[in-house]
Amino acid sequence: MQKNVEKKTNTLDGILKEPKNAVIMVELPTNSYFNTNANNIKTLLRNGFEGVYISSQRPFKNVFTLFKEKKIDLAKLFVVDAVSACEGVPEKHQRCISISKTLNVDEIVRAIYTALSKLKGKKTFIFIDSLTTMALYLPLSEVMRFCDFLTQTVNKQNGKRVVLVFNVAKELAQKKFIQDIALHVDEIVVVEK
């Protein structure tokens, strides 16, 4: 099923006010990528969500330190660290789920489900820090399968509110695989600065 999603320039706040599950694509300029991601995590937490942050850009130690600096409540967040293992040093921390060097979609999905099962709230999120970075390390067919699987998972949830956020580099948003994924999201948020 293809959706005709109009690009919008807004924040997550308006989308989160709607009491429904949502799949959201956020287009970010590369110069403000992490700060915008951190602000969006704060917005999700402020709106009563708990969640899973899939980090494909920064190792857990870096994410953990920067989130603490930004006063993000790490007790309501798990980080699936896809970076440390690739560097050969898997992280051990109660809020981190490390994955192996092989970096495959099935393992990432298992890590997401492991983290989601540990969350107690009725409102949860899955936050992919950079879909475009994942596409550097995985075949595009696997990235598409990953996105499709997560989108279907969100749409099948009953009784629990789930928001899925895909972040993409604005400069790469016109790539065909990003456009294909955009056809299956509910909202597109364009960050200008």
C-alpha atoms as a PDB file:
ATOM      1  CA  MET A   1       0.000   0.000   0.000  1.00  0.00           C
ATOM      2  CA  GLN A   2       1.515   3.313  -1.034  1.00  0.00           C
ATOM      3  CA  LYS A   3       0.791   6.483   0.878  1.00  0.00           C
ATOM      4  CA  ASN A   4       0.967   9.987  -0.460  1.00  0.00           C
ATOM      5  CA  VAL A   5       2.815  11.708   2.368  1.00  0.00           C
ATOM      6  CA  GLU A   6       3.353  15.425   2.086  1.00  0.00           C
ATOM      7  CA  LYS A   7       6.621  16.784   3.435  1.00  0.00           C
ATOM      8  CA  LYS A   8       6.185  19.060   6.409  1.00  0.00           C
ATOM      9  CA  THR A   9       8.476  21.319   8.337  1.00  0.00           C
ATOM     10  CA  ASN A  10       7.542  20.815  11.968  1.00  0.00           C
ATOM     11  CA  THR A  11       8.577  18.890  15.051  1.00  0.00           C
ATOM     12  CA  LEU A  12       7.457  15.655  16.614  1.00  0.00           C
ATOM     13  CA  ASP A  13       5.279  17.429  19.190  1.00  0.00           C
ATOM     14  CA  GLY A  14       2.282  17.851  16.893  1.00  0.00           C
ATOM     15  CA  ILE A  15       2.475  14.266  15.659  1.00  0.00           C
ATOM     16  CA  LEU A  16       2.735  12.882  19.197  1.00  0.00           C
ATOM     17  CA  LYS A  17      -0.458  14.682  20.258  1.00  0.00           C
ATOM     18  CA  GLU A  18      -2.418  12.286  18.039  1.00  0.00           C
ATOM     19  CA  PRO A  19      -3.280   9.121  20.020  1.00  0.00           C
ATOM     20  CA  LYS A  20      -2.214   6.645  17.356  1.00  0.00           C
ATOM     21  CA  ASN A  21       0.776   4.628  16.227  1.00  0.00           C
ATOM     22  CA  ALA A  22       2.948   6.395  13.694  1.00  0.00           C
ATOM     23  CA  VAL A  23       5.865   5.801  11.373  1.00  0.00           C
ATOM     24  CA  ILE A  24       7.824   9.024  10.938  1.00  0.00           C
ATOM     25  CA  MET A  25      10.730   9.949   8.708  1.00  0.00           C
ATOM     26  CA  VAL A  26      12.842  12.900   9.833  1.00  0.00           C
ATOM     27  CA  GLU A  27      15.086  14.557   7.241  1.00  0.00           C
ATOM     28  CA  LEU A  28      18.025  16.248   8.986  1.00  0.00           C
ATOM     29  CA  PRO A  29      20.905  18.398   7.804  1.00  0.00           C
ATOM     30  CA  THR A  30      24.185  16.649   8.622  1.00  0.00           C
ATOM     31  CA  ASN A  31      25.563  19.633  10.574  1.00  0.00           C
ATOM     32  CA  SER A  32      22.866  19.326  13.271  1.00  0.00           C
ATOM     33  CA  TYR A  33      22.210  15.591  13.129  1.00  0.00           C
ATOM     34  CA  PHE A  34      23.027  14.503  16.684  1.00  0.00           C
ATOM     35  CA  ASN A  35      21.643  17.606  18.405  1.00  0.00           C
ATOM     36  CA  THR A  36      18.364  17.258  16.530  1.00  0.00           C
ATOM     37  CA  ASN A  37      18.217  13.540  17.363  1.00  0.00           C
ATOM     38  CA  ALA A  38      18.822  14.312  21.045  1.00  0.00           C
ATOM     39  CA  ASN A  39      16.101  16.982  21.013  1.00  0.00           C
ATOM     40  CA  ASN A  40      13.684  14.539  19.386  1.00  0.00           C
ATOM     41  CA  ILE A  41      14.474  11.909  22.041  1.00  0.00           C
ATOM     42  CA  LYS A  42      13.777  14.531  24.730  1.00  0.00           C
ATOM     43  CA  THR A  43      10.456  15.313  23.017  1.00  0.00           C
ATOM     44  CA  LEU A  44       9.455  11.641  22.968  1.00  0.00           C
ATOM     45  CA  LEU A  45      10.361  11.189  26.645  1.00  0.00           C
ATOM     46  CA  ARG A  46       8.599  14.426  27.624  1.00  0.00           C
ATOM     47  CA  ASN A  47       5.450  13.080  25.951  1.00  0.00           C
ATOM     48  CA  GLY A  48       5.505   9.960  28.140  1.00  0.00           C
ATOM     49  CA  PHE A  49       7.278   7.538  25.804  1.00  0.00           C
ATOM     50  CA  GLU A  50      10.009   5.030  26.624  1.00  0.00           C
ATOM     51  CA  GLY A  51      12.108   3.613  23.876  1.00  0.00           C
ATOM     52  CA  VAL A  52      14.901   2.040  21.961  1.00  0.00           C
ATOM     53  CA  TYR A  53      17.581   4.118  20.255  1.00  0.00           C
ATOM     54  CA  ILE A  54      19.406   2.276  17.469  1.00  0.00           C
ATOM     55  CA  SER A  55      22.841   3.853  17.163  1.00  0.00           C
ATOM     56  CA  SER A  56      24.626   3.310  13.875  1.00  0.00           C
ATOM     57  CA  GLN A  57      26.678   6.519  14.014  1.00  0.00           C
ATOM     58  CA  ARG A  58      28.186   6.731  17.486  1.00  0.00           C
ATOM     59  CA  PRO A  59      29.360   4.138  20.012  1.00  0.00           C
ATOM     60  CA  PHE A  60      27.311   3.748  23.190  1.00  0.00           C
ATOM     61  CA  LYS A  61      29.844   5.569  25.418  1.00  0.00           C
ATOM     62  CA  ASN A  62      29.587   8.645  23.202  1.00  0.00           C
ATOM     63  CA  VAL A  63      25.762   8.523  23.037  1.00  0.00           C
ATOM     64  CA  PHE A  64      25.546   7.919  26.792  1.00  0.00           C
ATOM     65  CA  THR A  65      27.814  10.882  27.614  1.00  0.00           C
ATOM     66  CA  LEU A  66      26.041  13.283  25.258  1.00  0.00           C
ATOM     67  CA  PHE A  67      22.579  12.232  26.442  1.00  0.00           C
ATOM     68  CA  LYS A  68      23.625  12.786  30.069  1.00  0.00           C
ATOM     69  CA  GLU A  69      24.907  16.253  29.137  1.00  0.00           C
ATOM     70  CA  LYS A  70      21.546  17.018  27.542  1.00  0.00           C
ATOM     71  CA  LYS A  71      19.726  15.709  30.648  1.00  0.00           C
ATOM     72  CA  ILE A  72      18.013  12.854  28.827  1.00  0.00           C
ATOM     73  CA  ASP A  73      16.537  10.297  31.241  1.00  0.00           C
ATOM     74  CA  LEU A  74      18.462   7.145  30.389  1.00  0.00           C
ATOM     75  CA  ALA A  75      16.251   5.043  32.696  1.00  0.00           C
ATOM     76  CA  LYS A  76      13.566   5.174  29.996  1.00  0.00           C
ATOM     77  CA  LEU A  77      15.863   4.353  27.123  1.00  0.00           C
ATOM     78  CA  PHE A  78      17.846   1.420  25.761  1.00  0.00           C
ATOM     79  CA  VAL A  79      20.565   1.884  23.180  1.00  0.00           C
ATOM     80  CA  VAL A  80      21.191  -0.800  20.582  1.00  0.00           C
ATOM     81  CA  ASP A  81      24.853  -0.177  19.833  1.00  0.00           C
ATOM     82  CA  ALA A  82      25.702  -1.123  16.257  1.00  0.00           C
ATOM     83  CA  VAL A  83      29.000   0.782  16.309  1.00  0.00           C
ATOM     84  CA  SER A  84      31.112  -0.568  19.170  1.00  0.00           C
ATOM     85  CA  ALA A  85      30.993  -4.161  17.953  1.00  0.00           C
ATOM     86  CA  CYS A  86      32.108  -3.089  14.477  1.00  0.00           C
ATOM     87  CA  GLU A  87      35.111  -1.492  16.128  1.00  0.00           C
ATOM     88  CA  GLY A  88      35.789  -4.770  17.942  1.00  0.00           C
ATOM     89  CA  VAL A  89      34.891  -3.525  21.434  1.00  0.00           C
ATOM     90  CA  PRO A  90      31.306  -4.456  22.413  1.00  0.00           C
ATOM     91  CA  GLU A  91      29.996  -2.269  25.230  1.00  0.00           C
ATOM     92  CA  LYS A  92      28.737  -3.689  28.532  1.00  0.00           C
ATOM     93  CA  HIS A  93      26.160  -1.510  30.279  1.00  0.00           C
ATOM     94  CA  GLN A  94      22.662  -2.157  31.627  1.00  0.00           C
ATOM     95  CA  ARG A  95      21.130   0.357  29.159  1.00  0.00           C
ATOM     96  CA  CYS A  96      23.072  -0.957  26.154  1.00  0.00           C
ATOM     97  CA  ILE A  97      22.458  -3.929  23.909  1.00  0.00           C
ATOM     98  CA  SER A  98      25.533  -4.595  21.799  1.00  0.00           C
ATOM     99  CA  ILE A  99      25.349  -6.526  18.585  1.00  0.00           C
ATOM    100  CA  SER A 100      28.034  -8.594  16.913  1.00  0.00           C
ATOM    101  CA  LYS A 101      30.504  -7.511  14.243  1.00  0.00           C
ATOM    102  CA  THR A 102      28.488  -9.257  11.551  1.00  0.00           C
ATOM    103  CA  LEU A 103      25.804  -6.545  11.785  1.00  0.00           C
ATOM    104  CA  ASN A 104      22.764  -8.240  10.316  1.00  0.00           C
ATOM    105  CA  VAL A 105      19.137  -7.175  10.266  1.00  0.00           C
ATOM    106  CA  ASP A 106      17.841 -10.201  12.171  1.00  0.00           C
ATOM    107  CA  GLU A 107      20.196  -9.512  15.065  1.00  0.00           C
ATOM    108  CA  ILE A 108      19.209  -5.829  15.166  1.00  0.00           C
ATOM    109  CA  VAL A 109      15.517  -6.796  15.201  1.00  0.00           C
ATOM    110  CA  ARG A 110      16.129  -9.281  18.059  1.00  0.00           C
ATOM    111  CA  ALA A 111      17.952  -6.544  19.983  1.00  0.00           C
ATOM    112  CA  ILE A 112      15.013  -4.163  19.467  1.00  0.00           C
ATOM    113  CA  TYR A 113      12.529  -6.771  20.701  1.00  0.00           C
ATOM    114  CA  THR A 114      14.744  -7.574  23.693  1.00  0.00           C
ATOM    115  CA  ALA A 115      14.831  -3.898  24.638  1.00  0.00           C
ATOM    116  CA  LEU A 116      11.099  -3.339  24.018  1.00  0.00           C
ATOM    117  CA  SER A 117      10.231  -6.273  26.286  1.00  0.00           C
ATOM    118  CA  LYS A 118      12.085  -4.557  29.142  1.00  0.00           C
ATOM    119  CA  LEU A 119      10.089  -1.329  28.838  1.00  0.00           C
ATOM    120  CA  LYS A 120       7.120  -0.983  31.181  1.00  0.00           C
ATOM    121  CA  GLY A 121       5.176   1.924  29.667  1.00  0.00           C
ATOM    122  CA  LYS A 122       2.194   1.808  27.322  1.00  0.00           C
ATOM    123  CA  LYS A 123       3.835   4.298  24.952  1.00  0.00           C
ATOM    124  CA  THR A 124       7.064   3.195  23.292  1.00  0.00           C
ATOM    125  CA  PHE A 125       9.274   4.292  20.452  1.00  0.00           C
ATOM    126  CA  ILE A 126      11.886   2.827  18.157  1.00  0.00           C
ATOM    127  CA  PHE A 127      14.354   5.487  17.032  1.00  0.00           C
ATOM    128  CA  ILE A 128      16.769   4.749  14.178  1.00  0.00           C
ATOM    129  CA  ASP A 129      19.497   7.401  14.464  1.00  0.00           C
ATOM    130  CA  SER A 130      20.563   7.189  10.818  1.00  0.00           C
ATOM    131  CA  LEU A 131      19.003   5.050   8.160  1.00  0.00           C
ATOM    132  CA  THR A 132      21.464   6.458   5.642  1.00  0.00           C
ATOM    133  CA  THR A 133      24.436   5.312   7.771  1.00  0.00           C
ATOM    134  CA  MET A 134      22.921   1.828   8.059  1.00  0.00           C
ATOM    135  CA  ALA A 135      22.779   1.744   4.261  1.00  0.00           C
ATOM    136  CA  LEU A 136      26.575   2.123   4.185  1.00  0.00           C
ATOM    137  CA  TYR A 137      27.051  -1.133   6.115  1.00  0.00           C
ATOM    138  CA  LEU A 138      24.140  -3.270   4.956  1.00  0.00           C
ATOM    139  CA  PRO A 139      22.901  -4.153   1.480  1.00  0.00           C
ATOM    140  CA  LEU A 140      20.003  -1.912   0.430  1.00  0.00           C
ATOM    141  CA  SER A 141      17.731  -4.955   0.212  1.00  0.00           C
ATOM    142  CA  GLU A 142      18.418  -5.622   3.910  1.00  0.00           C
ATOM    143  CA  VAL A 143      17.799  -1.988   4.869  1.00  0.00           C
ATOM    144  CA  MET A 144      14.491  -2.132   2.995  1.00  0.00           C
ATOM    145  CA  ARG A 145      13.558  -5.430   4.681  1.00  0.00           C
ATOM    146  CA  PHE A 146      14.432  -3.927   8.079  1.00  0.00           C
ATOM    147  CA  CYS A 147      12.275  -0.845   7.458  1.00  0.00           C
ATOM    148  CA  ASP A 148       9.399  -2.903   6.111  1.00  0.00           C
ATOM    149  CA  PHE A 149       9.503  -5.262   9.077  1.00  0.00           C
ATOM    150  CA  LEU A 150       9.523  -2.419  11.627  1.00  0.00           C
ATOM    151  CA  THR A 151       6.756  -0.550   9.808  1.00  0.00           C
ATOM    152  CA  GLN A 152       4.566  -3.676   9.802  1.00  0.00           C
ATOM    153  CA  THR A 153       5.334  -4.261  13.481  1.00  0.00           C
ATOM    154  CA  VAL A 154       4.184  -0.750  14.392  1.00  0.00           C
ATOM    155  CA  ASN A 155       1.023  -1.065  12.312  1.00  0.00           C
ATOM    156  CA  LYS A 156       0.110  -4.408  13.954  1.00  0.00           C
ATOM    157  CA  GLN A 157       0.374  -3.179  17.558  1.00  0.00           C
ATOM    158  CA  ASN A 158      -2.860  -3.267  19.528  1.00  0.00           C
ATOM    159  CA  GLY A 159      -3.205  -1.898  23.022  1.00  0.00           C
ATOM    160  CA  LYS A 160       0.250  -0.334  23.071  1.00  0.00           C
ATOM    161  CA  ARG A 161       1.160   2.906  21.366  1.00  0.00           C
ATOM    162  CA  VAL A 162       4.320   2.678  19.266  1.00  0.00           C
ATOM    163  CA  VAL A 163       6.093   5.376  17.302  1.00  0.00           C
ATOM    164  CA  LEU A 164       8.845   4.499  14.835  1.00  0.00           C
ATOM    165  CA  VAL A 165      11.262   7.254  13.796  1.00  0.00           C
ATOM    166  CA  PHE A 166      13.632   6.870  10.830  1.00  0.00           C
ATOM    167  CA  ASN A 167      16.251   9.614  10.544  1.00  0.00           C
ATOM    168  CA  VAL A 168      17.825  10.308   7.160  1.00  0.00           C
ATOM    169  CA  ALA A 169      20.398  12.820   5.967  1.00  0.00           C
ATOM    170  CA  LYS A 170      18.520  15.581   4.182  1.00  0.00           C
ATOM    171  CA  GLU A 171      21.210  15.647   1.516  1.00  0.00           C
ATOM    172  CA  LEU A 172      20.420  12.006   0.668  1.00  0.00           C
ATOM    173  CA  ALA A 173      16.623  12.130   1.013  1.00  0.00           C
ATOM    174  CA  GLN A 174      16.147  12.017  -2.755  1.00  0.00           C
ATOM    175  CA  LYS A 175      17.907   8.664  -3.108  1.00  0.00           C
ATOM    176  CA  LYS A 176      15.595   6.029  -4.531  1.00  0.00           C
ATOM    177  CA  PHE A 177      15.700   3.701  -1.516  1.00  0.00           C
ATOM    178  CA  ILE A 178      14.836   6.585   0.844  1.00  0.00           C
ATOM    179  CA  GLN A 179      11.970   7.605  -1.446  1.00  0.00           C
ATOM    180  CA  ASP A 180      10.744   3.989  -1.444  1.00  0.00           C
ATOM    181  CA  ILE A 181      10.736   3.948   2.362  1.00  0.00           C
ATOM    182  CA  ALA A 182       9.044   7.362   2.457  1.00  0.00           C
ATOM    183  CA  LEU A 183       6.069   5.845   0.620  1.00  0.00           C
ATOM    184  CA  HIS A 184       5.331   3.759   3.725  1.00  0.00           C
ATOM    185  CA  VAL A 185       5.591   6.378   6.469  1.00  0.00           C
ATOM    186  CA  ASP A 186       2.741   8.341   8.030  1.00  0.00           C
ATOM    187  CA  GLU A 187       4.585  11.635   8.422  1.00  0.00           C
ATOM    188  CA  ILE A 188       7.726  13.279   7.075  1.00  0.00           C
ATOM    189  CA  VAL A 189       9.329  15.971   9.184  1.00  0.00           C
ATOM    190  CA  VAL A 190      11.877  18.212   7.471  1.00  0.00           C
ATOM    191  CA  VAL A 191      14.349  19.935   9.797  1.00  0.00           C
ATOM    192  CA  GLU A 192      15.674  23.117   8.223  1.00  0.00           C
ATOM    193  CA  LYS A 193      18.550  23.996  10.531  1.00  0.00           C
END
